[in-house]
């Protein structure tokens, strides 16, 4: 499984690169803290797989990287995606290494 660090994600944003950020946490987690990814809770990933665009990089994130890795494994096995990247450390790593003003849980 391919991974991307929070520093690499920050660079993609700064360069206005074409990519999609999908957050697979639950709505209450997203409401508490988010970095503006599209919310698709992990339980809804299978029925929304078409939102994982195959034409450019898709970064999948969660709290620490576990659920996003599960979502990616499912999508790669079921739909043969090759452009998915797990955000290493998830929102916790983003809050620790990029924006420490964000609350953690």
PDB file of N, CA and C in Angstrom:
ATOM      1  N   UNK A   1       0.847  -1.182   0.000  1.00  0.00           N
ATOM      2  CA  UNK A   1       0.000   0.000   0.000  1.00  0.00           C
ATOM      3  C   UNK A   1       0.889   1.241   0.000  1.00  0.00           C
ATOM      4  N   UNK A   2       0.526   2.181  -0.853  1.00  0.00           N
ATOM      5  CA  UNK A   2       1.292   3.421  -0.934  1.00  0.00           C
ATOM      6  C   UNK A   2       0.866   4.350   0.199  1.00  0.00           C
ATOM      7  N   UNK A   3       1.836   5.084   0.709  1.00  0.00           N
ATOM      8  CA  UNK A   3       1.575   6.040   1.772  1.00  0.00           C
ATOM      9  C   UNK A   3       2.092   7.416   1.364  1.00  0.00           C
ATOM     10  N   UNK A   4       1.545   8.423   2.024  1.00  0.00           N
ATOM     11  CA  UNK A   4       1.996   9.789   1.842  1.00  0.00           C
ATOM     12  C   UNK A   4       2.128  10.389   3.240  1.00  0.00           C
ATOM     13  N   UNK A   5       3.166  11.168   3.459  1.00  0.00           N
ATOM     14  CA  UNK A   5       3.344  11.798   4.768  1.00  0.00           C
ATOM     15  C   UNK A   5       2.541  13.092   4.820  1.00  0.00           C
ATOM     16  N   UNK A   6       2.371  13.607   6.015  1.00  0.00           N
ATOM     17  CA  UNK A   6       1.646  14.867   6.156  1.00  0.00           C
ATOM     18  C   UNK A   6       2.422  16.007   5.489  1.00  0.00           C
ATOM     19  N   UNK A   7       3.752  15.922   5.502  1.00  0.00           N
ATOM     20  CA  UNK A   7       4.562  16.936   4.820  1.00  0.00           C
ATOM     21  C   UNK A   7       4.334  16.891   3.309  1.00  0.00           C
ATOM     22  N   UNK A   8       4.229  15.694   2.756  1.00  0.00           N
ATOM     23  CA  UNK A   8       3.963  15.556   1.321  1.00  0.00           C
ATOM     24  C   UNK A   8       2.570  16.074   0.973  1.00  0.00           C
ATOM     25  N   UNK A   9       1.589  15.821   1.846  1.00  0.00           N
ATOM     26  CA  UNK A   9       0.243  16.339   1.622  1.00  0.00           C
ATOM     27  C   UNK A   9       0.245  17.860   1.685  1.00  0.00           C
ATOM     28  N   UNK A  10       0.943  18.415   2.634  1.00  0.00           N
ATOM     29  CA  UNK A  10       1.039  19.870   2.745  1.00  0.00           C
ATOM     30  C   UNK A  10       1.640  20.466   1.466  1.00  0.00           C
ATOM     31  N   UNK A  11       2.641  19.801   0.918  1.00  0.00           N
ATOM     32  CA  UNK A  11       3.264  20.263  -0.324  1.00  0.00           C
ATOM     33  C   UNK A  11       2.280  20.194  -1.497  1.00  0.00           C
ATOM     34  N   UNK A  12       1.521  19.104  -1.589  1.00  0.00           N
ATOM     35  CA  UNK A  12       0.501  18.999  -2.637  1.00  0.00           C
ATOM     36  C   UNK A  12      -0.471  20.169  -2.559  1.00  0.00           C
ATOM     37  N   UNK A  13      -0.888  20.493  -1.355  1.00  0.00           N
ATOM     38  CA  UNK A  13      -1.821  21.616  -1.164  1.00  0.00           C
ATOM     39  C   UNK A  13      -1.177  22.934  -1.560  1.00  0.00           C
ATOM     40  N   UNK A  14       0.043  23.143  -1.128  1.00  0.00           N
ATOM     41  CA  UNK A  14       0.738  24.403  -1.412  1.00  0.00           C
ATOM     42  C   UNK A  14       0.949  24.606  -2.902  1.00  0.00           C
ATOM     43  N   UNK A  15       1.167  23.512  -3.619  1.00  0.00           N
ATOM     44  CA  UNK A  15       1.420  23.581  -5.064  1.00  0.00           C
ATOM     45  C   UNK A  15       0.121  23.531  -5.875  1.00  0.00           C
ATOM     46  N   UNK A  16      -1.021  23.495  -5.189  1.00  0.00           N
ATOM     47  CA  UNK A  16      -2.318  23.378  -5.859  1.00  0.00           C
ATOM     48  C   UNK A  16      -2.364  22.200  -6.827  1.00  0.00           C
ATOM     49  N   UNK A  17      -1.753  21.091  -6.427  1.00  0.00           N
ATOM     50  CA  UNK A  17      -1.755  19.877  -7.231  1.00  0.00           C
ATOM     51  C   UNK A  17      -3.167  19.304  -7.318  1.00  0.00           C
ATOM     52  N   UNK A  18      -3.408  18.553  -8.371  1.00  0.00           N
ATOM     53  CA  UNK A  18      -4.701  17.898  -8.531  1.00  0.00           C
ATOM     54  C   UNK A  18      -4.691  16.593  -7.745  1.00  0.00           C
ATOM     55  N   UNK A  19      -5.507  16.551  -6.719  1.00  0.00           N
ATOM     56  CA  UNK A  19      -5.670  15.343  -5.907  1.00  0.00           C
ATOM     57  C   UNK A  19      -6.985  15.459  -5.162  1.00  0.00           C
ATOM     58  N   UNK A  20      -7.446  14.342  -4.631  1.00  0.00           N
ATOM     59  CA  UNK A  20      -8.653  14.320  -3.808  1.00  0.00           C
ATOM     60  C   UNK A  20      -8.260  13.833  -2.423  1.00  0.00           C
ATOM     61  N   UNK A  21      -8.785  14.488  -1.404  1.00  0.00           N
ATOM     62  CA  UNK A  21      -8.568  14.072  -0.021  1.00  0.00           C
ATOM     63  C   UNK A  21      -9.891  13.531   0.505  1.00  0.00           C
ATOM     64  N   UNK A  22      -9.888  12.272   0.921  1.00  0.00           N
ATOM     65  CA  UNK A  22     -11.095  11.641   1.461  1.00  0.00           C
ATOM     66  C   UNK A  22     -10.836  11.208   2.899  1.00  0.00           C
ATOM     67  N   UNK A  23     -11.737  11.611   3.772  1.00  0.00           N
ATOM     68  CA  UNK A  23     -11.654  11.340   5.202  1.00  0.00           C
ATOM     69  C   UNK A  23     -12.668  10.244   5.523  1.00  0.00           C
ATOM     70  N   UNK A  24     -12.193   9.106   6.033  1.00  0.00           N
ATOM     71  CA  UNK A  24     -13.085   7.969   6.293  1.00  0.00           C
ATOM     72  C   UNK A  24     -13.484   7.835   7.768  1.00  0.00           C
ATOM     73  N   UNK A  25     -13.292   8.908   8.535  1.00  0.00           N
ATOM     74  CA  UNK A  25     -13.720   8.880   9.933  1.00  0.00           C
ATOM     75  C   UNK A  25     -15.235   9.057  10.017  1.00  0.00           C
ATOM     76  N   UNK A  26     -15.755   8.999  11.212  1.00  0.00           N
ATOM     77  CA  UNK A  26     -17.184   9.157  11.450  1.00  0.00           C
ATOM     78  C   UNK A  26     -17.537  10.653  11.507  1.00  0.00           C
ATOM     79  N   UNK A  27     -18.807  10.990  11.238  1.00  0.00           N
ATOM     80  CA  UNK A  27     -19.202  12.400  11.217  1.00  0.00           C
ATOM     81  C   UNK A  27     -18.857  13.175  12.488  1.00  0.00           C
ATOM     82  N   UNK A  28     -19.026  12.571  13.666  1.00  0.00           N
ATOM     83  CA  UNK A  28     -18.698  13.286  14.901  1.00  0.00           C
ATOM     84  C   UNK A  28     -17.198  13.588  15.002  1.00  0.00           C
ATOM     85  N   UNK A  29     -16.357  12.702  14.509  1.00  0.00           N
ATOM     86  CA  UNK A  29     -14.915  12.953  14.505  1.00  0.00           C
ATOM     87  C   UNK A  29     -14.584  14.093  13.549  1.00  0.00           C
ATOM     88  N   UNK A  30     -15.209  14.056  12.382  1.00  0.00           N
ATOM     89  CA  UNK A  30     -14.991  15.077  11.362  1.00  0.00           C
ATOM     90  C   UNK A  30     -15.429  16.446  11.872  1.00  0.00           C
ATOM     91  N   UNK A  31     -16.571  16.497  12.558  1.00  0.00           N
ATOM     92  CA  UNK A  31     -17.059  17.759  13.112  1.00  0.00           C
ATOM     93  C   UNK A  31     -16.112  18.303  14.173  1.00  0.00           C
ATOM     94  N   UNK A  32     -15.488  17.430  14.928  1.00  0.00           N
ATOM     95  CA  UNK A  32     -14.568  17.847  15.988  1.00  0.00           C
ATOM     96  C   UNK A  32     -13.316  18.488  15.400  1.00  0.00           C
ATOM     97  N   UNK A  33     -12.755  17.872  14.370  1.00  0.00           N
ATOM     98  CA  UNK A  33     -11.554  18.404  13.727  1.00  0.00           C
ATOM     99  C   UNK A  33     -11.431  17.796  12.337  1.00  0.00           C
ATOM    100  N   UNK A  34     -11.114  18.643  11.350  1.00  0.00           N
ATOM    101  CA  UNK A  34     -10.909  18.132  10.000  1.00  0.00           C
ATOM    102  C   UNK A  34      -9.970  19.068   9.240  1.00  0.00           C
ATOM    103  N   UNK A  35      -9.457  18.558   8.130  1.00  0.00           N
ATOM    104  CA  UNK A  35      -8.590  19.378   7.266  1.00  0.00           C
ATOM    105  C   UNK A  35      -9.205  19.482   5.870  1.00  0.00           C
ATOM    106  N   UNK A  36     -10.530  19.518   5.865  1.00  0.00           N
ATOM    107  CA  UNK A  36     -11.314  19.807   4.670  1.00  0.00           C
ATOM    108  C   UNK A  36     -11.298  18.731   3.592  1.00  0.00           C
ATOM    109  N   UNK A  37     -11.125  17.499   3.992  1.00  0.00           N
ATOM    110  CA  UNK A  37     -11.299  16.409   3.041  1.00  0.00           C
ATOM    111  C   UNK A  37     -12.782  16.112   2.877  1.00  0.00           C
ATOM    112  N   UNK A  38     -13.117  15.324   1.876  1.00  0.00           N
ATOM    113  CA  UNK A  38     -14.510  14.907   1.697  1.00  0.00           C
ATOM    114  C   UNK A  38     -14.793  13.758   2.665  1.00  0.00           C
ATOM    115  N   UNK A  39     -15.830  13.906   3.459  1.00  0.00           N
ATOM    116  CA  UNK A  39     -16.182  12.881   4.442  1.00  0.00           C
ATOM    117  C   UNK A  39     -16.953  11.745   3.783  1.00  0.00           C
ATOM    118  N   UNK A  40     -16.370  10.539   3.862  1.00  0.00           N
ATOM    119  CA  UNK A  40     -17.058   9.301   3.468  1.00  0.00           C
ATOM    120  C   UNK A  40     -16.723   8.291   4.568  1.00  0.00           C
ATOM    121  N   UNK A  41     -17.605   8.160   5.583  1.00  0.00           N
ATOM    122  CA  UNK A  41     -17.315   7.229   6.677  1.00  0.00           C
ATOM    123  C   UNK A  41     -16.965   5.832   6.144  1.00  0.00           C
ATOM    124  N   UNK A  42     -16.076   5.158   6.829  1.00  0.00           N
ATOM    125  CA  UNK A  42     -15.551   3.885   6.342  1.00  0.00           C
ATOM    126  C   UNK A  42     -16.655   2.888   5.996  1.00  0.00           C
ATOM    127  N   UNK A  43     -17.735   2.886   6.745  1.00  0.00           N
ATOM    128  CA  UNK A  43     -18.835   1.971   6.455  1.00  0.00           C
ATOM    129  C   UNK A  43     -19.566   2.282   5.154  1.00  0.00           C
ATOM    130  N   UNK A  44     -19.369   3.485   4.632  1.00  0.00           N
ATOM    131  CA  UNK A  44     -20.031   3.895   3.396  1.00  0.00           C
ATOM    132  C   UNK A  44     -19.108   3.857   2.180  1.00  0.00           C
ATOM    133  N   UNK A  45     -17.852   3.505   2.383  1.00  0.00           N
ATOM    134  CA  UNK A  45     -16.883   3.485   1.278  1.00  0.00           C
ATOM    135  C   UNK A  45     -17.339   2.590   0.125  1.00  0.00           C
ATOM    136  N   UNK A  46     -17.789   1.351   0.379  1.00  0.00           N
ATOM    137  CA  UNK A  46     -18.170   0.493  -0.757  1.00  0.00           C
ATOM    138  C   UNK A  46     -19.235   1.103  -1.663  1.00  0.00           C
ATOM    139  N   UNK A  47     -20.257   1.743  -1.089  1.00  0.00           N
ATOM    140  CA  UNK A  47     -21.306   2.294  -1.939  1.00  0.00           C
ATOM    141  C   UNK A  47     -20.947   3.651  -2.543  1.00  0.00           C
ATOM    142  N   UNK A  48     -19.809   4.220  -2.157  1.00  0.00           N
ATOM    143  CA  UNK A  48     -19.372   5.499  -2.725  1.00  0.00           C
ATOM    144  C   UNK A  48     -18.012   5.376  -3.417  1.00  0.00           C
ATOM    145  N   UNK A  49     -17.669   4.190  -3.836  1.00  0.00           N
ATOM    146  CA  UNK A  49     -16.351   3.967  -4.432  1.00  0.00           C
ATOM    147  C   UNK A  49     -16.106   4.829  -5.673  1.00  0.00           C
ATOM    148  N   UNK A  50     -17.162   5.254  -6.357  1.00  0.00           N
ATOM    149  CA  UNK A  50     -16.986   6.071  -7.557  1.00  0.00           C
ATOM    150  C   UNK A  50     -16.432   7.459  -7.228  1.00  0.00           C
ATOM    151  N   UNK A  51     -16.505   7.874  -5.964  1.00  0.00           N
ATOM    152  CA  UNK A  51     -15.952   9.166  -5.568  1.00  0.00           C
ATOM    153  C   UNK A  51     -14.431   9.114  -5.446  1.00  0.00           C
ATOM    154  N   UNK A  52     -13.871   7.919  -5.492  1.00  0.00           N
ATOM    155  CA  UNK A  52     -12.423   7.746  -5.458  1.00  0.00           C
ATOM    156  C   UNK A  52     -11.932   7.806  -6.905  1.00  0.00           C
ATOM    157  N   UNK A  53     -11.728   9.016  -7.379  1.00  0.00           N
ATOM    158  CA  UNK A  53     -11.396   9.286  -8.775  1.00  0.00           C
ATOM    159  C   UNK A  53     -10.163   8.503  -9.213  1.00  0.00           C
ATOM    160  N   UNK A  54     -10.272   7.828 -10.336  1.00  0.00           N
ATOM    161  CA  UNK A  54      -9.152   7.027 -10.844  1.00  0.00           C
ATOM    162  C   UNK A  54      -8.192   7.834 -11.707  1.00  0.00           C
ATOM    163  N   UNK A  55      -8.516   9.089 -11.992  1.00  0.00           N
ATOM    164  CA  UNK A  55      -7.709   9.892 -12.908  1.00  0.00           C
ATOM    165  C   UNK A  55      -6.595  10.689 -12.238  1.00  0.00           C
ATOM    166  N   UNK A  56      -6.608  10.757 -10.929  1.00  0.00           N
ATOM    167  CA  UNK A  56      -5.532  11.456 -10.237  1.00  0.00           C
ATOM    168  C   UNK A  56      -5.356  10.881  -8.828  1.00  0.00           C
ATOM    169  N   UNK A  57      -4.375  11.375  -8.129  1.00  0.00           N
ATOM    170  CA  UNK A  57      -4.023  10.886  -6.802  1.00  0.00           C
ATOM    171  C   UNK A  57      -5.184  11.106  -5.826  1.00  0.00           C
ATOM    172  N   UNK A  58      -5.457  10.072  -5.035  1.00  0.00           N
ATOM    173  CA  UNK A  58      -6.463  10.161  -3.983  1.00  0.00           C
ATOM    174  C   UNK A  58      -5.777   9.828  -2.655  1.00  0.00           C
ATOM    175  N   UNK A  59      -5.815  10.778  -1.734  1.00  0.00           N
ATOM    176  CA  UNK A  59      -5.255  10.584  -0.403  1.00  0.00           C
ATOM    177  C   UNK A  59      -6.409  10.243   0.522  1.00  0.00           C
ATOM    178  N   UNK A  60      -6.285   9.135   1.240  1.00  0.00           N
ATOM    179  CA  UNK A  60      -7.325   8.665   2.151  1.00  0.00           C
ATOM    180  C   UNK A  60      -6.787   8.800   3.565  1.00  0.00           C
ATOM    181  N   UNK A  61      -7.603   9.383   4.437  1.00  0.00           N
ATOM    182  CA  UNK A  61      -7.136   9.638   5.806  1.00  0.00           C
ATOM    183  C   UNK A  61      -8.173   9.240   6.842  1.00  0.00           C
ATOM    184  N   UNK A  62      -7.687   9.075   8.071  1.00  0.00           N
ATOM    185  CA  UNK A  62      -8.549   8.840   9.224  1.00  0.00           C
ATOM    186  C   UNK A  62      -7.850   9.445  10.437  1.00  0.00           C
ATOM    187  N   UNK A  63      -8.079   8.909  11.599  1.00  0.00           N
ATOM    188  CA  UNK A  63      -7.469   9.466  12.813  1.00  0.00           C
ATOM    189  C   UNK A  63      -5.963   9.189  12.858  1.00  0.00           C
ATOM    190  N   UNK A  64      -5.582   7.923  12.624  1.00  0.00           N
ATOM    191  CA  UNK A  64      -4.164   7.579  12.737  1.00  0.00           C
ATOM    192  C   UNK A  64      -3.624   6.745  11.584  1.00  0.00           C
ATOM    193  N   UNK A  65      -4.480   6.349  10.659  1.00  0.00           N
ATOM    194  CA  UNK A  65      -4.029   5.609   9.484  1.00  0.00           C
ATOM    195  C   UNK A  65      -4.561   4.198   9.348  1.00  0.00           C
ATOM    196  N   UNK A  66      -5.189   3.666  10.374  1.00  0.00           N
ATOM    197  CA  UNK A  66      -5.681   2.291  10.330  1.00  0.00           C
ATOM    198  C   UNK A  66      -6.927   2.103   9.475  1.00  0.00           C
ATOM    199  N   UNK A  67      -7.948   2.908   9.722  1.00  0.00           N
ATOM    200  CA  UNK A  67      -9.191   2.775   8.952  1.00  0.00           C
ATOM    201  C   UNK A  67      -8.980   3.145   7.485  1.00  0.00           C
ATOM    202  N   UNK A  68      -8.163   4.157   7.244  1.00  0.00           N
ATOM    203  CA  UNK A  68      -7.896   4.533   5.853  1.00  0.00           C
ATOM    204  C   UNK A  68      -7.159   3.399   5.138  1.00  0.00           C
ATOM    205  N   UNK A  69      -6.280   2.709   5.837  1.00  0.00           N
ATOM    206  CA  UNK A  69      -5.592   1.561   5.239  1.00  0.00           C
ATOM    207  C   UNK A  69      -6.591   0.455   4.915  1.00  0.00           C
ATOM    208  N   UNK A  70      -7.567   0.228   5.792  1.00  0.00           N
ATOM    209  CA  UNK A  70      -8.612  -0.779   5.523  1.00  0.00           C
ATOM    210  C   UNK A  70      -9.428  -0.395   4.297  1.00  0.00           C
ATOM    211  N   UNK A  71      -9.794   0.878   4.204  1.00  0.00           N
ATOM    212  CA  UNK A  71     -10.586   1.341   3.060  1.00  0.00           C
ATOM    213  C   UNK A  71      -9.805   1.155   1.762  1.00  0.00           C
ATOM    214  N   UNK A  72      -8.538   1.500   1.784  1.00  0.00           N
ATOM    215  CA  UNK A  72      -7.693   1.354   0.596  1.00  0.00           C
ATOM    216  C   UNK A  72      -7.559  -0.108   0.212  1.00  0.00           C
ATOM    217  N   UNK A  73      -7.315  -0.968   1.186  1.00  0.00           N
ATOM    218  CA  UNK A  73      -7.174  -2.402   0.900  1.00  0.00           C
ATOM    219  C   UNK A  73      -8.441  -2.932   0.226  1.00  0.00           C
ATOM    220  N   UNK A  74      -9.599  -2.517   0.717  1.00  0.00           N
ATOM    221  CA  UNK A  74     -10.867  -2.952   0.116  1.00  0.00           C
ATOM    222  C   UNK A  74     -10.985  -2.444  -1.323  1.00  0.00           C
ATOM    223  N   UNK A  75     -10.730  -1.164  -1.529  1.00  0.00           N
ATOM    224  CA  UNK A  75     -10.874  -0.573  -2.856  1.00  0.00           C
ATOM    225  C   UNK A  75      -9.881  -1.160  -3.855  1.00  0.00           C
ATOM    226  N   UNK A  76      -8.669  -1.417  -3.399  1.00  0.00           N
ATOM    227  CA  UNK A  76      -7.663  -2.007  -4.299  1.00  0.00           C
ATOM    228  C   UNK A  76      -8.048  -3.437  -4.667  1.00  0.00           C
ATOM    229  N   UNK A  77      -8.531  -4.193  -3.692  1.00  0.00           N
ATOM    230  CA  UNK A  77      -8.903  -5.585  -3.967  1.00  0.00           C
ATOM    231  C   UNK A  77     -10.177  -5.673  -4.816  1.00  0.00           C
ATOM    232  N   UNK A  78     -11.161  -4.872  -4.478  1.00  0.00           N
ATOM    233  CA  UNK A  78     -12.464  -4.959  -5.133  1.00  0.00           C
ATOM    234  C   UNK A  78     -12.514  -4.271  -6.494  1.00  0.00           C
ATOM    235  N   UNK A  79     -11.848  -3.123  -6.594  1.00  0.00           N
ATOM    236  CA  UNK A  79     -12.008  -2.295  -7.794  1.00  0.00           C
ATOM    237  C   UNK A  79     -10.691  -2.022  -8.532  1.00  0.00           C
ATOM    238  N   UNK A  80      -9.598  -2.609  -8.038  1.00  0.00           N
ATOM    239  CA  UNK A  80      -8.283  -2.526  -8.702  1.00  0.00           C
ATOM    240  C   UNK A  80      -7.727  -1.105  -8.799  1.00  0.00           C
ATOM    241  N   UNK A  81      -8.060  -0.251  -7.832  1.00  0.00           N
ATOM    242  CA  UNK A  81      -7.492   1.098  -7.803  1.00  0.00           C
ATOM    243  C   UNK A  81      -5.974   1.023  -7.644  1.00  0.00           C
ATOM    244  N   UNK A  82      -5.277   1.924  -8.300  1.00  0.00           N
ATOM    245  CA  UNK A  82      -3.817   1.975  -8.190  1.00  0.00           C
ATOM    246  C   UNK A  82      -3.320   3.371  -7.815  1.00  0.00           C
ATOM    247  N   UNK A  83      -4.220   4.283  -7.513  1.00  0.00           N
ATOM    248  CA  UNK A  83      -3.847   5.676  -7.267  1.00  0.00           C
ATOM    249  C   UNK A  83      -4.207   6.142  -5.857  1.00  0.00           C
ATOM    250  N   UNK A  84      -4.344   5.215  -4.928  1.00  0.00           N
ATOM    251  CA  UNK A  84      -4.730   5.553  -3.568  1.00  0.00           C
ATOM    252  C   UNK A  84      -3.513   5.617  -2.654  1.00  0.00           C
ATOM    253  N   UNK A  85      -3.494   6.625  -1.786  1.00  0.00           N
ATOM    254  CA  UNK A  85      -2.380   6.841  -0.861  1.00  0.00           C
ATOM    255  C   UNK A  85      -2.933   7.007   0.543  1.00  0.00           C
ATOM    256  N   UNK A  86      -2.396   6.240   1.478  1.00  0.00           N
ATOM    257  CA  UNK A  86      -2.802   6.332   2.871  1.00  0.00           C
ATOM    258  C   UNK A  86      -2.031   7.470   3.531  1.00  0.00           C
ATOM    259  N   UNK A  87      -2.756   8.369   4.228  1.00  0.00           N
ATOM    260  CA  UNK A  87      -2.081   9.441   4.950  1.00  0.00           C
ATOM    261  C   UNK A  87      -1.471   8.857   6.213  1.00  0.00           C
ATOM    262  N   UNK A  88      -0.171   8.762   6.214  1.00  0.00           N
ATOM    263  CA  UNK A  88       0.568   8.148   7.322  1.00  0.00           C
ATOM    264  C   UNK A  88       0.360   8.962   8.603  1.00  0.00           C
ATOM    265  N   UNK A  89      -0.190   8.316   9.626  1.00  0.00           N
ATOM    266  CA  UNK A  89      -0.416   8.972  10.909  1.00  0.00           C
ATOM    267  C   UNK A  89      -1.718   9.740  11.013  1.00  0.00           C
ATOM    268  N   UNK A  90      -2.427   9.901   9.897  1.00  0.00           N
ATOM    269  CA  UNK A  90      -3.738  10.535   9.884  1.00  0.00           C
ATOM    270  C   UNK A  90      -3.774  11.949  10.436  1.00  0.00           C
ATOM    271  N   UNK A  91      -4.937  12.320  10.949  1.00  0.00           N
ATOM    272  CA  UNK A  91      -5.129  13.679  11.459  1.00  0.00           C
ATOM    273  C   UNK A  91      -4.272  13.931  12.690  1.00  0.00           C
ATOM    274  N   UNK A  92      -3.932  12.874  13.426  1.00  0.00           N
ATOM    275  CA  UNK A  92      -3.058  13.060  14.586  1.00  0.00           C
ATOM    276  C   UNK A  92      -1.679  13.540  14.151  1.00  0.00           C
ATOM    277  N   UNK A  93      -1.144  12.965  13.085  1.00  0.00           N
ATOM    278  CA  UNK A  93       0.160  13.401  12.579  1.00  0.00           C
ATOM    279  C   UNK A  93       0.069  14.820  12.031  1.00  0.00           C
ATOM    280  N   UNK A  94      -1.044  15.142  11.346  1.00  0.00           N
ATOM    281  CA  UNK A  94      -1.211  16.502  10.817  1.00  0.00           C
ATOM    282  C   UNK A  94      -1.204  17.513  11.962  1.00  0.00           C
ATOM    283  N   UNK A  95      -1.950  17.210  13.036  1.00  0.00           N
ATOM    284  CA  UNK A  95      -2.023  18.118  14.179  1.00  0.00           C
ATOM    285  C   UNK A  95      -0.672  18.243  14.880  1.00  0.00           C
ATOM    286  N   UNK A  96       0.072  17.178  14.935  1.00  0.00           N
ATOM    287  CA  UNK A  96       1.371  17.196  15.622  1.00  0.00           C
ATOM    288  C   UNK A  96       2.458  17.862  14.782  1.00  0.00           C
ATOM    289  N   UNK A  97       2.474  17.579  13.480  1.00  0.00           N
ATOM    290  CA  UNK A  97       3.607  18.005  12.657  1.00  0.00           C
ATOM    291  C   UNK A  97       3.340  19.212  11.759  1.00  0.00           C
ATOM    292  N   UNK A  98       2.074  19.508  11.465  1.00  0.00           N
ATOM    293  CA  UNK A  98       1.756  20.595  10.541  1.00  0.00           C
ATOM    294  C   UNK A  98       1.020  21.739  11.228  1.00  0.00           C
ATOM    295  N   UNK A  99      -0.042  21.430  11.953  1.00  0.00           N
ATOM    296  CA  UNK A  99      -0.868  22.470  12.565  1.00  0.00           C
ATOM    297  C   UNK A  99      -1.218  22.086  13.991  1.00  0.00           C
ATOM    298  N   UNK A 100      -0.334  22.460  14.922  1.00  0.00           N
ATOM    299  CA  UNK A 100      -0.555  22.040  16.310  1.00  0.00           C
ATOM    300  C   UNK A 100      -1.635  22.860  17.009  1.00  0.00           C
ATOM    301  N   UNK A 101      -2.325  23.745  16.279  1.00  0.00           N
ATOM    302  CA  UNK A 101      -3.477  24.448  16.872  1.00  0.00           C
ATOM    303  C   UNK A 101      -4.726  23.573  16.822  1.00  0.00           C
ATOM    304  N   UNK A 102      -4.680  22.480  16.051  1.00  0.00           N
ATOM    305  CA  UNK A 102      -5.837  21.598  15.929  1.00  0.00           C
ATOM    306  C   UNK A 102      -5.994  20.733  17.179  1.00  0.00           C
ATOM    307  N   UNK A 103      -7.235  20.525  17.604  1.00  0.00           N
ATOM    308  CA  UNK A 103      -7.456  19.649  18.755  1.00  0.00           C
ATOM    309  C   UNK A 103      -7.229  18.187  18.352  1.00  0.00           C
ATOM    310  N   UNK A 104      -6.836  17.371  19.321  1.00  0.00           N
ATOM    311  CA  UNK A 104      -6.671  15.943  19.073  1.00  0.00           C
ATOM    312  C   UNK A 104      -7.579  15.166  20.021  1.00  0.00           C
ATOM    313  N   UNK A 105      -7.779  13.921  19.698  1.00  0.00           N
ATOM    314  CA  UNK A 105      -8.634  13.062  20.531  1.00  0.00           C
ATOM    315  C   UNK A 105      -8.115  11.659  20.483  1.00  0.00           C
TER     316      UNK A 105
END
